Protein backbone atom coordinates (compact mmCIF):
# COMPACT_ATOMS: atom_id res chain seq x y z
CA MET A 1 -16.16 5.68 -2.51
CA LEU A 2 -13.51 5.60 -0.01
CA LYS A 3 -12.29 9.26 0.54
CA PRO A 4 -8.53 9.29 2.01
CA ARG A 5 -9.40 11.24 5.33
CA ILE A 6 -5.74 12.18 5.72
CA LEU A 7 -4.36 15.25 3.35
CA PRO A 8 -0.94 15.97 1.93
CA GLU A 9 -0.72 18.59 4.14
CA ASP A 10 -1.32 16.51 6.95
CA ILE A 11 2.14 13.85 6.37
CA GLU A 12 4.94 16.43 7.12
CA GLY A 13 4.66 16.57 10.76
CA LEU A 14 2.89 13.35 11.42
CA LYS A 15 4.58 11.27 14.46
CA PHE A 16 4.73 7.59 12.95
CA ILE A 17 2.62 5.94 15.96
CA GLU A 18 -0.27 8.22 15.27
CA TYR A 19 0.38 7.50 11.55
CA ARG A 20 -0.15 3.59 12.32
CA LYS A 21 -3.22 4.30 14.42
CA SER A 22 -4.84 6.19 11.61
CA PHE A 23 -3.83 4.00 8.73
CA ILE A 24 -5.32 0.94 10.59
CA LYS A 25 -8.70 2.91 11.07
CA GLU A 26 -8.35 2.99 7.30
CA LEU A 27 -7.88 -0.74 6.57
CA ARG A 28 -11.02 -1.03 8.48
CA ARG A 29 -12.93 1.59 6.34
CA MET A 30 -11.58 0.06 3.07
CA LYS A 31 -12.37 -3.77 4.64
CA SER A 32 -16.08 -2.20 4.64
CA ALA A 33 -16.04 -0.33 1.51
CA CYS A 34 -14.27 -3.57 -0.39
CA ALA A 35 -15.90 -6.32 0.67
CA GLU A 36 -16.70 -8.03 -2.61
CA PRO A 37 -13.90 -9.86 -4.14
CA GLY A 38 -12.39 -8.13 -6.75
CA GLN A 39 -13.28 -4.49 -5.35
CA THR A 40 -10.35 -2.46 -5.26
CA THR A 41 -9.09 1.56 -4.15
CA ASN A 42 -5.96 3.29 -4.97
CA PHE A 43 -2.82 3.45 -3.07
CA MET A 44 0.09 5.44 -2.91
CA ILE A 45 3.42 4.04 -0.77
CA MET A 46 6.62 6.23 0.02
CA THR A 47 8.80 3.07 1.62
CA GLU A 48 11.57 5.50 2.81
CA TRP A 49 9.69 8.27 4.63
CA ASN A 50 11.19 9.79 7.79
CA PHE A 51 8.60 10.32 10.50
CA PRO A 52 9.48 13.24 12.78
CA ASP A 53 9.43 10.93 15.75
CA LEU A 54 11.91 8.23 14.36
CA PRO A 55 13.96 11.05 11.94
CA ALA A 56 16.93 8.05 11.54
CA LYS A 57 14.45 5.29 10.30
CA ASP A 58 13.14 4.76 6.79
CA LEU A 59 9.66 3.83 7.18
CA PRO A 60 6.52 3.37 5.04
CA LEU A 61 3.66 5.68 4.56
CA ILE A 62 1.00 4.71 2.51
CA VAL A 63 -2.47 6.13 1.71
CA ILE A 64 -5.54 4.23 0.52
CA GLY A 65 -8.88 5.64 -1.04
CA ASP A 66 -10.20 6.71 -4.25
CA PHE A 67 -7.57 9.32 -5.54
CA LYS A 68 -8.78 12.82 -6.61
CA GLY A 69 -7.99 16.19 -6.52
CA ASN A 70 -5.03 16.99 -3.68
CA TRP A 71 -3.76 13.34 -3.48
CA GLU A 72 -3.35 12.99 -7.30
CA LYS A 73 -1.31 16.20 -7.48
CA TYR A 74 0.69 15.27 -4.47
CA TYR A 75 1.40 12.07 -6.33
CA LYS A 76 2.38 13.68 -9.67
CA LYS A 77 4.34 16.80 -8.22
CA THR A 78 6.01 15.42 -5.10
CA ALA A 79 6.10 11.89 -4.46
CA ARG A 80 7.27 10.70 -7.72
CA LYS A 81 9.99 13.22 -7.85
CA ARG A 82 11.58 11.75 -5.02
CA SER A 83 15.50 10.83 -5.20
CA GLN A 84 15.37 7.58 -2.99
CA LYS A 85 12.94 6.24 -5.96
CA ASP A 86 10.56 4.79 -3.03
CA PHE A 87 7.31 5.61 -4.83
CA ALA A 88 4.72 3.38 -6.12
CA PHE A 89 0.77 4.01 -6.97
CA GLY A 90 -1.78 1.35 -7.99
CA ASN A 91 -4.70 -0.68 -6.65
CA ALA A 92 -5.13 -1.98 -3.38
CA SER A 93 -7.39 -5.13 -2.41
CA PHE A 94 -8.08 -7.86 0.01
CA GLY A 95 -7.23 -11.49 -1.15
CA LYS A 96 -7.31 -14.92 0.42
CA GLU A 97 -7.26 -15.79 3.98
CA THR A 98 -4.13 -17.68 4.73
CA SER A 99 -2.86 -19.71 7.69
CA GLU A 100 -0.30 -16.68 7.90
CA GLY A 101 -3.05 -14.36 7.89
CA GLN A 102 -5.03 -12.41 5.06
CA GLU A 103 -3.32 -11.31 1.87
CA PHE A 104 -3.25 -7.62 1.22
CA ILE A 105 -3.02 -6.78 -2.32
CA LEU A 106 -0.83 -4.23 -3.64
CA GLU A 107 -0.79 -4.17 -7.94
CA ILE A 108 1.47 -1.71 -8.62
CA ARG A 109 0.71 0.47 -12.09
CA HIS A 110 3.66 3.27 -11.74
CA GLY A 111 6.81 3.27 -9.46
CA ARG A 112 8.03 0.03 -7.21
CA ILE A 113 8.29 -1.01 -3.93
CA LYS A 114 11.55 -2.63 -3.02
CA PRO A 115 12.05 -5.78 -1.04
CA LYS A 116 13.49 -3.81 1.85
CA GLY A 117 10.17 -1.54 1.92
CA GLU A 118 8.00 -4.29 1.36
CA ARG A 119 9.24 -6.06 4.18
CA ALA A 120 9.46 -3.07 6.48
CA PHE A 121 5.69 -2.68 5.65
CA ASP A 122 4.72 -5.99 6.37
CA LYS A 123 6.82 -5.77 10.02
CA VAL A 124 5.67 -2.17 11.15
CA ILE A 125 1.97 -2.36 10.21
CA LEU A 126 0.25 -5.22 8.11
CA SER A 127 1.86 -7.87 10.57
CA LYS A 128 0.04 -5.53 13.93
CA VAL A 129 -3.74 -6.74 11.83
CA GLY A 130 -3.19 -9.97 10.77
CA LEU A 131 -2.46 -8.53 7.11
CA PHE A 132 0.76 -9.69 4.75
CA PRO A 133 1.79 -7.93 1.57
CA VAL A 134 1.04 -9.37 -1.92
CA VAL A 135 2.78 -7.02 -4.55
CA ILE A 136 2.08 -7.33 -8.03
CA LYS A 137 3.86 -5.73 -10.57
CA ARG A 138 1.66 -4.27 -13.87
CA GLY A 139 2.95 -2.92 -17.21
CA GLY A 140 6.41 -1.95 -18.07
CA THR A 141 9.73 -1.30 -16.15
CA ASP A 142 9.91 1.44 -13.62
CA GLU A 143 11.57 3.91 -16.06
CA GLU A 144 9.17 3.15 -19.59
CA ASN A 145 6.20 4.02 -16.83
CA THR A 146 7.60 7.16 -15.27
CA ASP A 147 8.15 8.60 -18.65
CA ALA A 148 4.96 7.49 -20.39
CA GLU A 149 3.18 9.10 -17.33
CA GLU A 150 4.59 12.48 -17.48
CA GLY A 151 2.08 13.18 -20.50
CA ALA A 152 -0.81 11.32 -18.99
CA ASP A 153 -3.83 13.17 -18.01
CA ALA A 154 -5.63 12.90 -14.42
CA GLU A 155 -7.93 10.11 -15.09
CA ASN A 156 -5.33 8.28 -16.88
CA ILE A 157 -3.28 8.26 -13.41
CA ARG A 158 -6.06 7.73 -11.32
CA ASN A 159 -6.86 4.31 -13.32
CA GLY A 160 -3.39 3.35 -13.45
CA ALA A 161 -3.37 3.01 -17.49
CA VAL A 162 -1.41 4.30 -19.85
CA ALA A 163 -3.80 6.00 -22.55
CA SER A 164 -3.35 6.45 -26.06
CA THR A 165 -2.70 10.48 -25.57
CA ILE A 166 0.67 9.56 -24.33
CA THR A 167 1.87 8.39 -27.42
CA ALA A 168 2.59 11.92 -28.98
CA THR A 169 4.90 12.95 -25.74
CA VAL A 170 6.79 10.08 -24.72
CA GLY A 171 9.37 10.96 -27.44
CA ASN A 172 9.56 14.31 -26.24
CA SER A 173 9.83 12.87 -22.39
CA ALA A 174 12.76 10.74 -23.25
CA ARG A 175 14.60 13.45 -24.91
CA GLU A 176 13.92 16.40 -22.16
CA LYS A 177 15.03 13.52 -19.94
CA LYS A 178 18.31 12.65 -22.27
CA GLU A 179 19.18 16.65 -22.07
CA LYS A 180 18.47 17.13 -18.39
CA ALA A 181 20.04 14.01 -17.24
CA PRO A 182 23.07 14.51 -14.52
CA GLN A 183 26.32 13.67 -15.40
CA LYS A 184 27.30 10.15 -13.98
CA GLU A 185 29.76 9.33 -11.08
CA PRO A 186 32.90 7.83 -13.01
CA SER A 187 32.44 4.13 -13.12
CA LYS A 188 34.73 1.69 -10.84
CA ASN A 189 37.67 0.25 -12.85
CA LYS A 190 38.54 -2.93 -12.85
CA GLU A 191 40.30 -3.93 -9.56
CA GLU A 192 37.50 -1.81 -7.56
CA ARG A 193 34.67 -3.75 -8.99
CA ILE A 194 36.54 -6.92 -8.62
CA ALA A 195 37.30 -6.10 -5.20
CA ASP A 196 33.23 -5.29 -4.25
CA ILE A 197 32.88 -8.96 -5.81
CA LYS A 198 34.91 -10.53 -3.55
CA ALA A 199 33.45 -9.01 -0.47
CA GLN A 200 29.63 -9.73 -1.53
CA THR A 201 31.40 -13.18 -2.48
CA ALA A 202 32.46 -13.70 1.28
CA GLU A 203 29.37 -11.95 3.18
CA LEU A 204 27.14 -14.07 1.23
CA LYS A 205 29.08 -17.36 1.64
CA LYS A 206 29.18 -16.29 5.82
CA ALA A 207 25.79 -15.48 5.72
CA THR A 208 24.46 -19.00 4.19
CA GLU A 209 26.69 -20.76 6.16
CA SER A 210 25.49 -18.94 9.35
CA ILE A 211 22.19 -19.40 8.71
CA LYS A 212 22.25 -23.04 7.64
CA ALA A 213 24.05 -23.49 11.22
CA ARG A 214 21.19 -21.95 13.14
CA PHE A 215 18.99 -23.91 11.18
CA ALA A 216 20.56 -26.91 12.33
CA LEU A 217 20.66 -25.87 16.36
CA ILE A 218 17.19 -25.17 16.39
CA LYS A 219 16.12 -28.21 15.12
CA ASN A 220 18.64 -30.39 17.47
CA GLN A 221 18.58 -28.44 20.65
CA VAL A 222 14.73 -27.14 20.66
CA SER A 223 12.65 -30.06 18.76
CA ASP A 224 13.41 -32.40 21.94
CA ARG A 225 12.17 -29.90 23.91
CA VAL A 226 8.99 -29.31 21.55
CA LYS A 227 8.12 -32.91 22.11
CA THR A 228 8.68 -33.25 25.58
CA ASP A 229 6.51 -29.84 26.32
CA ASN A 230 9.50 -28.49 28.16
CA LEU A 231 10.25 -25.36 26.45
CA THR A 232 11.72 -22.18 27.56
CA ARG A 233 11.41 -18.40 26.70
CA LYS A 234 14.83 -18.83 25.43
CA ASP A 235 13.68 -21.06 22.71
CA LEU A 236 11.14 -18.57 21.69
CA ILE A 237 13.97 -15.97 21.72
CA ALA A 238 16.11 -18.69 19.56
CA VAL A 239 13.26 -19.06 16.83
CA ARG A 240 12.74 -15.07 16.63
CA GLU A 241 16.58 -14.31 15.94
CA LEU A 242 16.64 -17.37 13.56
CA HIS A 243 13.68 -15.11 11.66
CA LYS A 244 15.83 -12.03 12.02
CA ALA A 245 18.73 -13.41 10.58
CA TYR A 246 16.79 -15.45 7.78
CA MET A 247 15.85 -11.61 6.73
CA SER A 248 18.99 -10.19 6.96
CA TYR A 249 20.20 -12.79 4.98
CA ASN A 250 17.97 -11.83 2.38
CA ASP A 251 18.58 -8.41 2.20
CA ALA A 252 22.29 -9.40 1.95
CA PHE A 253 21.45 -11.42 -1.29
CA ASP A 254 18.91 -8.82 -2.88
CA SER A 255 21.78 -6.53 -2.77
CA ALA A 256 24.34 -8.90 -4.20
CA ASP A 257 25.74 -8.19 -8.21
CA PRO A 258 23.11 -10.38 -10.41
CA LYS A 259 25.80 -13.09 -11.14
CA LEU A 260 26.41 -13.62 -7.36
CA GLN A 261 22.88 -14.10 -7.25
CA GLU A 262 22.98 -16.52 -10.13
CA LYS A 263 25.80 -18.57 -8.25
CA PHE A 264 24.33 -18.85 -5.00
CA ALA A 265 20.59 -19.26 -6.64
CA SER A 266 20.62 -22.94 -5.32
CA ALA A 267 21.73 -22.51 -1.76
CA LYS A 268 19.50 -19.74 -1.50
CA LYS A 269 15.93 -21.82 -3.16
CA ALA A 270 17.49 -24.84 -0.23
CA LEU A 271 17.35 -21.92 2.80
CA ASP A 272 14.04 -21.10 1.42
CA ASN A 273 12.71 -24.72 1.80
CA GLN A 274 14.24 -24.77 5.01
CA ASN A 275 12.68 -21.67 6.01
CA LYS A 276 9.51 -22.85 4.80
CA GLU A 277 9.51 -25.89 7.31
CA PHE A 278 10.79 -23.78 10.05
CA ALA A 279 7.53 -21.68 9.76
CA LYS A 280 6.03 -24.58 10.75
CA PHE A 281 7.82 -25.74 13.71
CA ALA A 282 7.90 -22.12 14.62
CA LEU A 283 4.03 -22.21 14.83
CA LEU A 284 4.13 -25.34 17.05
CA VAL A 285 6.70 -24.09 19.60
CA LYS A 286 4.40 -20.80 19.85
CA ALA A 287 1.42 -23.19 20.45
CA LYS A 288 3.26 -25.04 23.06
CA LYS A 289 5.00 -22.41 24.85
CA LYS A 290 3.08 -20.46 27.04
CA THR A 291 2.59 -17.02 26.30
CA LEU A 292 4.25 -13.74 27.64
CA ALA A 293 0.59 -12.49 28.78
CA GLU A 294 0.20 -16.24 30.26
CA GLN A 295 3.44 -15.97 32.50
CA LEU A 296 3.10 -11.97 33.44
CA ALA A 297 -0.31 -12.81 34.70
CA ASP A 298 0.64 -15.89 36.68
CA LYS A 299 3.17 -14.27 38.13
CA PHE A 300 0.99 -11.32 39.44
CA PHE A 301 -1.62 -13.49 40.79
CA GLU A 302 0.34 -16.22 42.16
CA LYS A 303 2.23 -13.12 44.41
CA ASN A 304 -1.19 -11.32 45.44
CA ALA A 305 -3.78 -13.91 45.25
CA ASP A 306 -1.87 -17.66 45.57
CA ARG A 307 -3.44 -18.63 42.19
CA GLU A 308 -2.98 -18.84 38.49
CA ALA A 309 -4.72 -16.18 36.19
CA ASN A 310 -8.14 -16.76 34.48
CA LYS A 311 -8.67 -16.82 30.86
CA GLU A 312 -10.28 -13.65 31.34
CA GLU A 313 -7.19 -12.24 32.98
CA VAL A 314 -4.97 -13.29 30.48
CA GLU A 315 -6.71 -11.77 27.78
CA GLN A 316 -6.52 -8.41 29.63
CA MET A 317 -2.62 -8.71 30.38
CA GLN A 318 -2.75 -9.26 26.26
CA LYS A 319 -4.44 -6.36 25.54
CA SER A 320 -2.23 -4.09 28.06
CA LEU A 321 1.04 -5.39 26.82
CA LYS A 322 0.08 -4.58 23.37
CA ALA A 323 -1.15 -1.34 24.09
CA ALA A 324 1.99 -0.79 26.12
CA ILE A 325 4.39 -1.53 23.58
CA ASP A 326 2.50 0.43 20.93
CA TYR A 327 3.00 3.64 23.85
CA ARG A 328 6.88 2.80 23.78
CA GLN A 329 6.97 2.31 20.28
CA ILE A 330 8.98 -1.27 20.59
CA SER A 331 9.21 -1.93 16.84
CA MET A 332 11.13 1.05 16.12
CA ARG A 333 13.80 0.38 18.89
CA GLU A 334 17.14 -1.45 19.10
CA GLY A 335 19.52 -2.91 21.00
CA ASN A 336 19.82 -1.68 24.74
CA GLU A 337 17.01 0.87 24.41
CA LYS A 338 14.54 -1.64 23.22
CA GLN A 339 15.38 -4.00 26.06
CA LEU A 340 15.22 -1.41 28.59
CA ASN A 341 11.80 -0.22 27.02
CA LEU A 342 10.57 -3.94 27.24
CA LYS A 343 11.94 -4.44 30.77
CA ALA A 344 9.80 -1.47 31.85
CA ILE A 345 6.66 -2.82 30.38
CA TYR A 346 7.30 -6.04 32.02
CA ILE A 347 8.13 -5.03 35.01
CA SER A 348 4.82 -2.65 34.91
CA ALA A 349 2.79 -5.88 34.25
CA GLN A 350 4.39 -7.82 37.13
CA MET A 351 3.41 -5.09 39.77
CA LYS A 352 -0.11 -3.80 38.52
CA GLY A 353 -1.50 -6.73 36.99
CA PRO A 354 -3.41 -7.32 33.79
CA ALA A 355 -5.03 -3.83 33.83
CA PHE A 356 -1.66 -1.90 34.15
CA LYS A 357 -1.65 1.46 32.16
CA SER A 358 0.71 2.32 29.59
CA THR A 359 1.75 5.90 31.10
CA TYR A 360 3.01 3.73 34.18
CA THR A 361 5.92 2.39 32.18
CA ASP A 362 7.40 5.79 32.20
CA ARG A 363 7.70 5.94 35.88
CA VAL A 364 9.73 2.42 35.52
CA TYR A 365 11.55 3.05 32.60
CA GLU A 366 12.57 6.37 34.54
CA LYS A 367 13.94 4.70 37.56
CA LEU A 368 15.82 2.16 35.13
CA MET A 369 17.53 4.66 33.31
CA GLN A 370 18.75 5.94 36.76
CA PRO A 371 22.60 5.70 37.73
CA LYS A 372 23.21 2.32 39.83
């Protein structure tokens, strides 16, 4: 039995960086406990949680383990009553290994995981440990599942099943829901709806054309340098920026009116196919370009020992960079703040070498923040 080590009362004041370290340890425990194909454990997720150290960000909080007692009660009484409707419960397991990493399967029994929440879970947690999410929905609609489980007992919820004992309570739950339902906001008039559709159409059209142009630019400019082994760091950045733009396009498409999604379906499919080809190209770019760890280690030893870094020194630099990136919470920062934090890391690595301490970046960052 895999018992969750984190308790419901722990999560309110838990910082994201602490939570992520704790959850990664839980994943390792799960891998040992669910090593055989088909072995599962429970999961509960809230995808728009606000951690105290990053209060302006909506981030995923997931707990894994065999749910009994406190967590069972928390999900029933607290999580599923969240106004964001960002919660889900079900079974988690490890899937097959692929070129992108290993599948982390979330089989939803109740609630839902929004596309944006799934991408955030992948970006800030799973990708750090070589996993990627595969979300499977079971049962009826989100609303039907919510109604049905109002009358389920503890065992029903643990197993994610809708038992026969629910039947008598469904009608009462539906009537109570109808009686207590809040007043709906006034519907938009025809002119407002038309204006919304026009705005969404313009946004999707612009995004589609922008992504097409980016794909063409990468293919025409970067591909030649791949063949001649003449890649630069700017090429890597261009590849990453294209990936970010593609994810933003997906967000715009997911939030568009269903009729607009139908209209742009063929363009979306074409871009999805292009992105699959681009993913292979991105791996090739990454393989041919020196890693950041290699570049920084080489710069340090070229300056201090008139030589390039060896394999062990590069590996140590990679570990130190990863620790510093986690320490400065780079994945949670944006814009100029992110660039300054990265700069502090790179300067520290060049000055102190492969074994530089994450805490040294504090001193560098403070100097960067001083007025010139």
